[in-house]
Amino acid sequence: MNFTEEFLNEFRKVIKEILLEGDLERLNLAKQFLGFDNKVFGDFLAPLLKEEQELVIHHSLAYSDTPQNLVVVSSEDHNSLSHGEFPSSEFLDNVEYSEVALSSDELPTQTSELTYKWCPRTFSQDARGSLCGIVLLTERGFEIEDVETGEVLYDNNFEVYKRFDLSHGLVISFSLSGSRIYNISYETNLEPKTGFTYVENCPLNKDEEGYYVPSDSEGKSLRDYGSRCGVFNLNDYLVKTYRLATAHSVDLVIKAGEIPRIAWVHKDNQIKPTSSSSSSAVSSKSNRTFAKYDFDLKGKKVAIIGLPKSQVERFNSLVLDEKKAEALEVIASSSHNDTELVPDKLKDFDIVIVVKRFVGHGTIYHLKSLLDGSQAQLVNSSSHGLDGLERALYRGVKGYPSEEGATVVDYPLL
């Protein structure tokens, strides 16, 4: 295919951006689009690799050549200096010294208010770590920045991200020993605007053209999360690398304006193919559910305090749509605040769950006093993930101890 010189010059600018991003996959696609072999493509890129550098020499004069810097020395003083002696005291006494007064604009200033990259460092009463950072998604995993300075304290892949039940914007206290992270405590939750979004449990479909991700778990388009594409088509390389033939869903990390990346693969025995002639797989709402355990909440009123905003929609679906609870009350909270405003109506609820990571000790004490003598079951959850919260609901329904691990519980799987 023949291209005009004007088109090639404009396309070369696009190639420059790809090179700066280090995206070899897109660079290879660009070469295939042009139909160039390696040599021709190298000649095409040559103008981008030529950088002219201008050498600038900065001169600095140690002394000014103006008379104001010259001092007349007497012949006697010349003789004294040549013998290593001090100038005459009379000469020194005649030297005039002047003080330069700085204007108020030139005086050094000290800010009275400290500024932080994210927030002040915070440590809960039971925290054992000495560091405090915010969890931030990256294309390959995550990093933890110091909440005050923004310094990157730790980074790792999505396996560690999932293992410690981390989430984008979660503020944690922790300790480090080499590459090992431990003593993790969950302090609070922020909403950083970094352009990255972690989308869980996206359904994986297959037709005669291959595998693809049509939407998120609730049928919303991936473009709603900033993805460049609405449907994520998966090439053979991704299918083989991530062994998607035995998967039923994937977690995606999406950077605004770019193609999604696979962060995690949820395995299953098989995947049901779908017909390519039907567009309903893309537009219709996914029927994927969140429940893992076999019980219901029919006739029950449930309240939860300390649930992160990122989980509210899913928890609402789990409790009201799947478990058929009568009512759900979600109360925002933070571990920074000693006591939250807890409504008295919670005395009339059946189950009240406390996500301990995001609830202050004063609030828990107030809740216990409020619910004392009522029928409400107060249940603690150390996890804000749906799996841990569903287990807490089960303990509440069955009247088991509040803390997980206090007794052996056989959670019945669906």
Protein backbone atom coordinates (compact mmCIF):
# COMPACT_ATOMS: atom_id res chain seq x y z
CA MET A 1 0.00 0.00 0.00
CA ASN A 2 1.34 3.44 -0.95
CA PHE A 3 1.08 6.24 1.60
CA THR A 4 1.48 9.97 1.02
CA GLU A 5 4.43 11.72 2.61
CA GLU A 6 2.04 13.89 4.60
CA PHE A 7 0.34 10.81 6.08
CA LEU A 8 3.69 9.21 6.95
CA ASN A 9 4.85 12.35 8.75
CA GLU A 10 1.68 12.43 10.83
CA PHE A 11 1.85 8.70 11.51
CA ARG A 12 5.47 9.11 12.60
CA LYS A 13 4.23 11.40 15.41
CA VAL A 14 1.95 8.61 16.59
CA ILE A 15 4.89 6.19 16.52
CA LYS A 16 6.88 8.63 18.64
CA GLU A 17 4.20 8.52 21.37
CA ILE A 18 4.19 4.70 21.23
CA LEU A 19 7.98 4.64 21.63
CA LEU A 20 7.81 6.99 24.61
CA GLU A 21 5.22 4.71 26.24
CA GLY A 22 7.36 1.64 25.54
CA ASP A 23 4.36 -0.25 24.10
CA LEU A 24 6.05 -2.88 21.90
CA GLU A 25 2.76 -4.58 21.08
CA ARG A 26 1.31 -1.41 19.51
CA LEU A 27 4.65 -0.73 17.78
CA ASN A 28 4.51 -4.14 16.11
CA LEU A 29 0.89 -3.54 15.06
CA ALA A 30 1.94 -0.21 13.51
CA LYS A 31 4.67 -1.94 11.51
CA GLN A 32 2.19 -4.55 10.28
CA PHE A 33 -0.27 -1.80 9.32
CA LEU A 34 2.36 -0.06 7.17
CA GLY A 35 3.46 -3.36 5.62
CA PHE A 36 7.15 -2.55 6.16
CA ASP A 37 9.88 -5.10 6.77
CA ASN A 38 12.39 -4.51 9.57
CA LYS A 39 14.85 -2.53 7.44
CA VAL A 40 12.25 -0.24 5.86
CA PHE A 41 10.56 0.28 9.22
CA GLY A 42 13.96 1.17 10.73
CA ASP A 43 14.52 3.77 8.01
CA PHE A 44 11.02 5.10 8.70
CA LEU A 45 11.89 5.54 12.39
CA ALA A 46 15.33 7.06 11.75
CA PRO A 47 14.17 10.73 11.88
CA LEU A 48 12.78 10.12 15.35
CA LEU A 49 16.15 8.94 16.64
CA LYS A 50 18.08 12.04 15.58
CA GLU A 51 18.31 14.55 18.38
CA GLU A 52 20.39 17.67 18.05
CA GLN A 53 22.10 18.76 21.23
CA GLU A 54 23.40 22.27 21.68
CA LEU A 55 26.44 22.70 23.92
CA VAL A 56 26.08 25.74 26.15
CA ILE A 57 29.05 26.89 28.23
CA HIS A 58 28.16 29.00 31.23
CA HIS A 59 30.85 31.47 32.33
CA SER A 60 30.96 32.84 35.84
CA LEU A 61 33.14 35.78 36.82
CA ALA A 62 34.58 35.50 40.31
CA TYR A 63 35.15 39.25 40.59
CA SER A 64 33.51 42.24 39.05
CA ASP A 65 35.69 44.53 36.95
CA THR A 66 33.99 47.62 38.34
CA PRO A 67 36.01 49.93 40.67
CA GLN A 68 33.66 49.28 43.59
CA ASN A 69 35.38 45.97 44.26
CA LEU A 70 38.92 47.41 44.22
CA VAL A 71 40.73 48.44 47.41
CA VAL A 72 43.85 50.61 47.48
CA VAL A 73 46.60 49.02 49.59
CA SER A 74 49.50 51.13 50.81
CA SER A 75 53.15 50.27 50.11
CA GLU A 76 53.66 49.48 53.80
CA ASP A 77 50.86 46.97 53.72
CA HIS A 78 52.31 45.41 50.56
CA ASN A 79 55.56 44.84 52.45
CA SER A 80 53.68 43.38 55.46
CA LEU A 81 51.69 40.99 53.32
CA SER A 82 54.79 39.79 51.48
CA HIS A 83 56.27 38.78 54.85
CA GLY A 84 53.12 37.01 55.95
CA GLU A 85 52.10 39.74 58.38
CA PHE A 86 48.69 41.37 58.89
CA PRO A 87 47.96 44.79 57.42
CA SER A 88 48.26 47.73 59.75
CA SER A 89 45.54 48.11 62.35
CA GLU A 90 45.04 51.68 61.23
CA PHE A 91 44.04 50.44 57.80
CA LEU A 92 41.66 47.88 59.23
CA ASP A 93 40.06 50.45 61.47
CA ASN A 94 39.32 52.61 58.45
CA VAL A 95 37.48 49.83 56.65
CA GLU A 96 33.76 50.58 56.47
CA TYR A 97 31.23 47.79 56.73
CA SER A 98 27.70 48.08 55.50
CA GLU A 99 24.63 45.96 56.21
CA VAL A 100 22.21 45.10 53.46
CA ALA A 101 18.61 45.12 54.64
CA LEU A 102 16.35 42.55 53.02
CA SER A 103 12.91 43.58 51.99
CA SER A 104 9.94 41.73 53.43
CA ASP A 105 9.52 39.92 50.09
CA GLU A 106 13.07 38.54 50.36
CA LEU A 107 12.83 37.34 53.95
CA PRO A 108 12.63 33.55 54.30
CA THR A 109 9.14 32.37 55.11
CA GLN A 110 7.89 29.26 56.84
CA THR A 111 4.49 27.85 56.07
CA SER A 112 2.39 27.26 59.10
CA GLU A 113 0.28 24.57 57.45
CA LEU A 114 1.74 21.24 56.36
CA THR A 115 0.70 19.82 53.00
CA TYR A 116 0.38 16.10 52.29
CA LYS A 117 0.25 14.15 49.04
CA TRP A 118 -2.81 12.20 50.21
CA CYS A 119 -3.51 12.62 53.93
CA PRO A 120 -1.71 12.60 57.31
CA ARG A 121 -0.28 9.30 58.47
CA THR A 122 -2.76 7.48 60.67
CA PHE A 123 -2.41 4.42 62.88
CA SER A 124 -5.27 2.64 64.64
CA GLN A 125 -4.90 1.53 68.24
CA ASP A 126 -4.11 -2.06 67.32
CA ALA A 127 -1.77 -1.19 64.41
CA ARG A 128 1.62 -2.86 64.60
CA GLY A 129 3.21 -1.45 61.44
CA SER A 130 5.47 1.60 61.37
CA LEU A 131 4.64 2.73 57.81
CA CYS A 132 1.44 4.23 56.45
CA GLY A 133 0.61 4.24 52.76
CA ILE A 134 -2.17 4.30 50.18
CA VAL A 135 -2.74 1.40 47.77
CA LEU A 136 -2.76 2.54 44.12
CA LEU A 137 -3.40 0.40 41.06
CA THR A 138 -0.84 0.20 38.27
CA GLU A 139 -0.96 -1.59 34.92
CA ARG A 140 1.02 -4.55 36.26
CA GLY A 141 -0.19 -4.66 39.84
CA PHE A 142 -0.13 -2.07 42.57
CA GLU A 143 2.13 0.22 44.55
CA ILE A 144 1.90 1.71 48.02
CA GLU A 145 2.75 5.39 48.37
CA ASP A 146 3.55 7.15 51.63
CA VAL A 147 0.35 9.11 52.33
CA GLU A 148 2.28 12.24 53.28
CA THR A 149 5.24 12.40 50.89
CA GLY A 150 4.04 10.31 47.93
CA GLU A 151 7.21 8.20 48.04
CA VAL A 152 6.69 4.68 46.70
CA LEU A 153 7.29 2.36 49.64
CA TYR A 154 6.31 -0.97 48.05
CA ASP A 155 5.05 -2.47 44.79
CA ASN A 156 4.00 -5.93 43.69
CA ASN A 157 1.68 -7.87 41.36
CA PHE A 158 -2.03 -8.66 41.40
CA GLU A 159 -1.52 -11.98 43.17
CA VAL A 160 -0.34 -10.13 46.29
CA TYR A 161 -3.10 -7.55 45.74
CA LYS A 162 -5.73 -10.31 45.92
CA ARG A 163 -4.02 -12.27 48.71
CA PHE A 164 -4.18 -9.34 51.12
CA ASP A 165 -7.67 -8.27 49.99
CA LEU A 166 -6.42 -4.82 48.96
CA SER A 167 -8.35 -2.22 47.00
CA HIS A 168 -7.55 0.97 45.12
CA GLY A 169 -7.48 3.87 47.58
CA LEU A 170 -7.19 1.72 50.71
CA VAL A 171 -4.95 3.33 53.36
CA ILE A 172 -3.00 0.78 55.38
CA SER A 173 -0.37 0.69 58.08
CA PHE A 174 2.26 -2.00 57.60
CA SER A 175 5.86 -3.12 58.06
CA LEU A 176 8.50 -4.07 55.49
CA SER A 177 11.45 -6.43 55.68
CA GLY A 178 13.17 -6.52 52.32
CA SER A 179 10.49 -7.57 49.81
CA ARG A 180 8.19 -8.93 52.54
CA ILE A 181 5.17 -6.93 53.69
CA TYR A 182 3.48 -7.77 57.00
CA ASN A 183 1.67 -6.30 60.03
CA ILE A 184 -1.02 -4.94 57.69
CA SER A 185 -3.86 -2.98 59.28
CA TYR A 186 -6.62 -1.30 57.32
CA GLU A 187 -6.94 2.32 58.40
CA THR A 188 -9.31 4.16 56.08
CA ASN A 189 -10.38 4.46 52.45
CA LEU A 190 -9.77 7.35 50.01
CA GLU A 191 -10.93 7.91 46.43
CA PRO A 192 -7.79 8.73 44.42
CA LYS A 193 -8.32 9.91 40.85
CA THR A 194 -5.47 8.16 39.06
CA GLY A 195 -7.33 6.94 35.98
CA PHE A 196 -7.17 3.27 37.03
CA THR A 197 -10.17 1.09 37.89
CA TYR A 198 -10.25 -2.54 39.03
CA VAL A 199 -13.31 -4.36 37.64
CA GLU A 200 -14.05 -7.76 39.19
CA ASN A 201 -15.75 -10.87 37.83
CA CYS A 202 -16.24 -9.80 34.22
CA PRO A 203 -17.93 -12.66 32.34
CA LEU A 204 -15.89 -14.50 29.72
CA ASN A 205 -17.70 -15.57 26.56
CA LYS A 206 -16.71 -17.47 23.44
CA ASP A 207 -18.01 -17.65 19.89
CA GLU A 208 -16.57 -18.99 16.62
CA GLU A 209 -14.27 -15.96 16.41
CA GLY A 210 -12.74 -16.51 19.83
CA TYR A 211 -12.98 -15.37 23.44
CA TYR A 212 -14.19 -11.95 24.56
CA VAL A 213 -15.34 -10.00 27.60
CA PRO A 214 -18.70 -8.39 26.78
CA SER A 215 -19.21 -6.24 29.89
CA ASP A 216 -18.77 -6.13 33.63
CA SER A 217 -20.55 -8.55 35.94
CA GLU A 218 -23.72 -6.43 35.87
CA GLY A 219 -23.90 -5.88 32.12
CA LYS A 220 -22.37 -2.39 32.12
CA SER A 221 -20.16 -1.51 29.18
CA LEU A 222 -16.42 -1.44 29.81
CA ARG A 223 -16.47 2.07 28.36
CA ASP A 224 -18.26 3.17 31.54
CA TYR A 225 -14.94 2.54 33.31
CA GLY A 226 -12.92 4.51 30.77
CA SER A 227 -11.95 1.62 28.49
CA ARG A 228 -11.16 2.41 24.87
CA CYS A 229 -13.34 -0.53 23.80
CA GLY A 230 -16.82 -1.59 24.85
CA VAL A 231 -16.13 -5.30 24.22
CA PHE A 232 -12.69 -6.69 25.06
CA ASN A 233 -11.69 -9.22 22.37
CA LEU A 234 -8.97 -11.62 23.52
CA ASN A 235 -6.31 -12.81 21.08
CA ASP A 236 -4.82 -16.31 21.04
CA TYR A 237 -1.74 -15.17 22.93
CA LEU A 238 -3.83 -14.00 25.90
CA VAL A 239 -5.98 -17.14 25.80
CA LYS A 240 -2.92 -19.40 26.00
CA THR A 241 -0.96 -17.27 28.47
CA TYR A 242 -3.83 -17.00 30.97
CA ARG A 243 -5.33 -20.42 30.16
CA LEU A 244 -8.72 -18.89 29.57
CA ALA A 245 -10.19 -22.12 28.16
CA THR A 246 -10.94 -23.23 31.74
CA ALA A 247 -12.01 -19.82 33.08
CA HIS A 248 -15.51 -18.43 33.66
CA SER A 249 -14.64 -14.81 34.44
CA VAL A 250 -11.74 -12.39 34.74
CA ASP A 251 -10.80 -9.32 36.74
CA LEU A 252 -9.69 -6.39 34.60
CA VAL A 253 -7.63 -3.33 35.38
CA ILE A 254 -8.65 -0.45 33.16
CA LYS A 255 -6.66 2.72 32.55
CA ALA A 256 -8.75 5.53 31.12
CA GLY A 257 -8.46 5.70 27.34
CA GLU A 258 -6.65 2.38 26.95
CA ILE A 259 -7.37 -1.30 26.31
CA PRO A 260 -8.10 -3.32 29.50
CA ARG A 261 -5.50 -5.65 30.99
CA ILE A 262 -6.25 -9.00 32.63
CA ALA A 263 -5.46 -8.85 36.35
CA TRP A 264 -6.93 -12.12 37.60
CA VAL A 265 -8.54 -15.24 36.14
CA HIS A 266 -11.38 -17.12 37.88
CA LYS A 267 -11.20 -20.76 36.86
CA ASP A 268 -14.03 -23.21 36.23
CA ASN A 269 -14.43 -26.59 34.59
CA GLN A 270 -15.73 -25.23 31.33
CA ILE A 271 -17.06 -22.17 29.60
CA LYS A 272 -20.30 -22.10 27.68
CA PRO A 273 -19.96 -20.85 24.11
CA THR A 274 -22.36 -18.17 22.94
CA SER A 275 -23.67 -17.51 19.46
CA SER A 276 -21.96 -14.65 17.59
CA SER A 277 -25.21 -13.92 15.76
CA SER A 278 -26.79 -12.72 18.98
CA SER A 279 -25.96 -9.24 20.28
CA SER A 280 -27.71 -9.83 23.60
CA ALA A 281 -24.44 -11.01 25.17
CA VAL A 282 -23.16 -7.46 24.96
CA SER A 283 -26.26 -5.42 25.70
CA SER A 284 -28.18 -7.55 28.17
CA LYS A 285 -27.47 -7.57 31.90
CA SER A 286 -25.27 -10.36 33.18
CA ASN A 287 -27.00 -12.91 35.37
CA ARG A 288 -23.86 -13.54 37.43
CA THR A 289 -24.50 -13.69 41.16
CA PHE A 290 -22.30 -12.99 44.18
CA ALA A 291 -23.68 -15.52 46.67
CA LYS A 292 -21.48 -18.52 47.55
CA TYR A 293 -23.29 -19.95 50.58
CA ASP A 294 -26.66 -21.66 50.82
CA PHE A 295 -28.92 -19.59 53.08
CA ASP A 296 -31.41 -16.75 52.73
CA LEU A 297 -32.40 -13.62 54.64
CA LYS A 298 -36.14 -13.67 53.99
CA GLY A 299 -37.96 -11.46 56.48
CA LYS A 300 -34.67 -10.18 57.93
CA LYS A 301 -33.62 -6.55 58.30
CA VAL A 302 -29.89 -6.06 57.85
CA ALA A 303 -27.66 -3.08 58.68
CA ILE A 304 -23.95 -2.67 58.01
CA ILE A 305 -21.55 0.00 59.20
CA GLY A 306 -18.13 0.71 57.71
CA LEU A 307 -18.73 -0.74 54.23
CA PRO A 308 -16.50 0.95 51.58
CA LYS A 309 -18.36 2.75 48.82
CA SER A 310 -16.84 0.42 46.22
CA GLN A 311 -18.73 -2.53 47.73
CA VAL A 312 -22.12 -0.93 48.42
CA GLU A 313 -23.70 -1.81 45.07
CA ARG A 314 -22.54 -5.45 45.18
CA PHE A 315 -23.52 -5.92 48.82
CA ASN A 316 -26.95 -4.44 48.07
CA SER A 317 -27.41 -6.99 45.26
CA LEU A 318 -26.24 -9.84 47.49
CA VAL A 319 -28.51 -9.00 50.44
CA LEU A 320 -31.68 -7.73 48.74
CA ASP A 321 -31.73 -9.43 45.33
CA GLU A 322 -30.13 -12.79 46.09
CA LYS A 323 -30.74 -13.37 49.79
CA LYS A 324 -34.19 -11.66 49.69
CA ALA A 325 -33.73 -9.59 52.85
CA GLU A 326 -36.60 -7.32 53.87
CA ALA A 327 -34.45 -4.21 54.31
CA LEU A 328 -30.83 -3.03 54.20
CA GLU A 329 -29.33 -0.01 55.96
CA VAL A 330 -25.79 1.08 55.00
CA ILE A 331 -24.07 3.49 57.43
CA ALA A 332 -20.85 5.20 56.36
CA SER A 333 -18.00 5.21 58.83
CA SER A 334 -14.28 5.85 59.26
CA SER A 335 -11.72 4.49 61.69
CA HIS A 336 -10.56 8.11 62.19
CA ASN A 337 -13.79 9.07 63.93
CA ASP A 338 -14.19 7.84 67.46
CA THR A 339 -17.99 7.74 67.33
CA GLU A 340 -20.40 7.76 64.40
CA LEU A 341 -24.03 8.78 64.43
CA VAL A 342 -25.78 5.45 64.81
CA PRO A 343 -29.58 5.63 64.46
CA ASP A 344 -31.70 4.19 67.27
CA LYS A 345 -33.78 2.27 64.73
CA LEU A 346 -31.01 -0.32 64.50
CA LYS A 347 -32.51 -1.85 67.66
CA ASP A 348 -35.31 -3.12 65.44
CA PHE A 349 -32.96 -4.80 62.96
CA ASP A 350 -32.14 -8.52 62.96
CA ILE A 351 -28.47 -8.39 61.94
CA VAL A 352 -25.97 -5.53 62.33
CA ILE A 353 -22.57 -6.09 60.73
CA VAL A 354 -19.50 -4.06 61.70
CA VAL A 355 -16.58 -3.91 59.23
CA LYS A 356 -13.93 -3.44 61.88
CA ARG A 357 -11.31 -2.00 59.54
CA PHE A 358 -13.33 1.16 59.04
CA VAL A 359 -15.11 1.61 62.38
CA GLY A 360 -13.68 3.35 65.45
CA HIS A 361 -13.66 1.67 68.86
CA GLY A 362 -16.01 4.30 70.28
CA THR A 363 -18.61 3.48 67.63
CA ILE A 364 -18.42 -0.25 68.38
CA TYR A 365 -18.87 0.44 72.11
CA HIS A 366 -21.86 2.69 71.37
CA LEU A 367 -23.41 0.00 69.14
CA LYS A 368 -23.08 -2.65 71.85
CA SER A 369 -24.80 -0.35 74.35
CA LEU A 370 -27.56 0.50 71.88
CA LEU A 371 -28.28 -3.10 70.93
CA ASP A 372 -28.03 -4.50 74.44
CA GLY A 373 -31.32 -6.19 75.30
CA SER A 374 -32.60 -6.10 71.70
CA GLN A 375 -33.06 -9.00 69.27
CA ALA A 376 -30.36 -7.68 66.92
CA GLN A 377 -27.31 -9.86 66.30
CA LEU A 378 -24.10 -7.75 66.28
CA VAL A 379 -21.55 -9.45 64.01
CA ASN A 380 -17.95 -8.38 63.35
CA SER A 381 -16.19 -8.83 60.02
CA SER A 382 -12.45 -8.38 59.58
CA SER A 383 -12.89 -8.36 55.81
CA HIS A 384 -14.70 -5.93 53.52
CA GLY A 385 -14.81 -8.48 50.67
CA LEU A 386 -18.16 -10.03 49.75
CA ASP A 387 -17.04 -13.52 50.74
CA GLY A 388 -16.21 -12.46 54.31
CA LEU A 389 -19.35 -10.35 54.58
CA GLU A 390 -21.55 -13.24 53.43
CA ARG A 391 -20.03 -15.45 56.12
CA ALA A 392 -20.77 -12.74 58.68
CA LEU A 393 -24.39 -12.70 57.52
CA TYR A 394 -24.58 -16.47 57.97
CA ARG A 395 -23.24 -16.24 61.53
CA GLY A 396 -25.85 -13.56 62.24
CA VAL A 397 -28.70 -15.67 60.88
CA LYS A 398 -27.65 -18.76 62.83
CA GLY A 399 -26.78 -16.90 66.04
CA TYR A 400 -23.15 -18.03 65.98
CA PRO A 401 -20.39 -16.05 67.76
CA SER A 402 -19.68 -12.61 66.34
CA GLU A 403 -15.99 -13.15 65.63
CA GLU A 404 -14.98 -15.49 62.84
CA GLY A 405 -12.74 -18.24 64.20
CA ALA A 406 -14.24 -18.15 67.69
CA THR A 407 -15.86 -21.46 66.87
CA VAL A 408 -15.81 -23.87 63.94
CA VAL A 409 -18.56 -22.99 61.46
CA ASP A 410 -19.48 -25.21 58.53
CA TYR A 411 -20.57 -22.69 55.89
CA PRO A 412 -22.86 -24.53 53.41
CA LEU A 413 -21.83 -23.89 49.81
CA LEU A 414 -24.39 -23.46 47.05
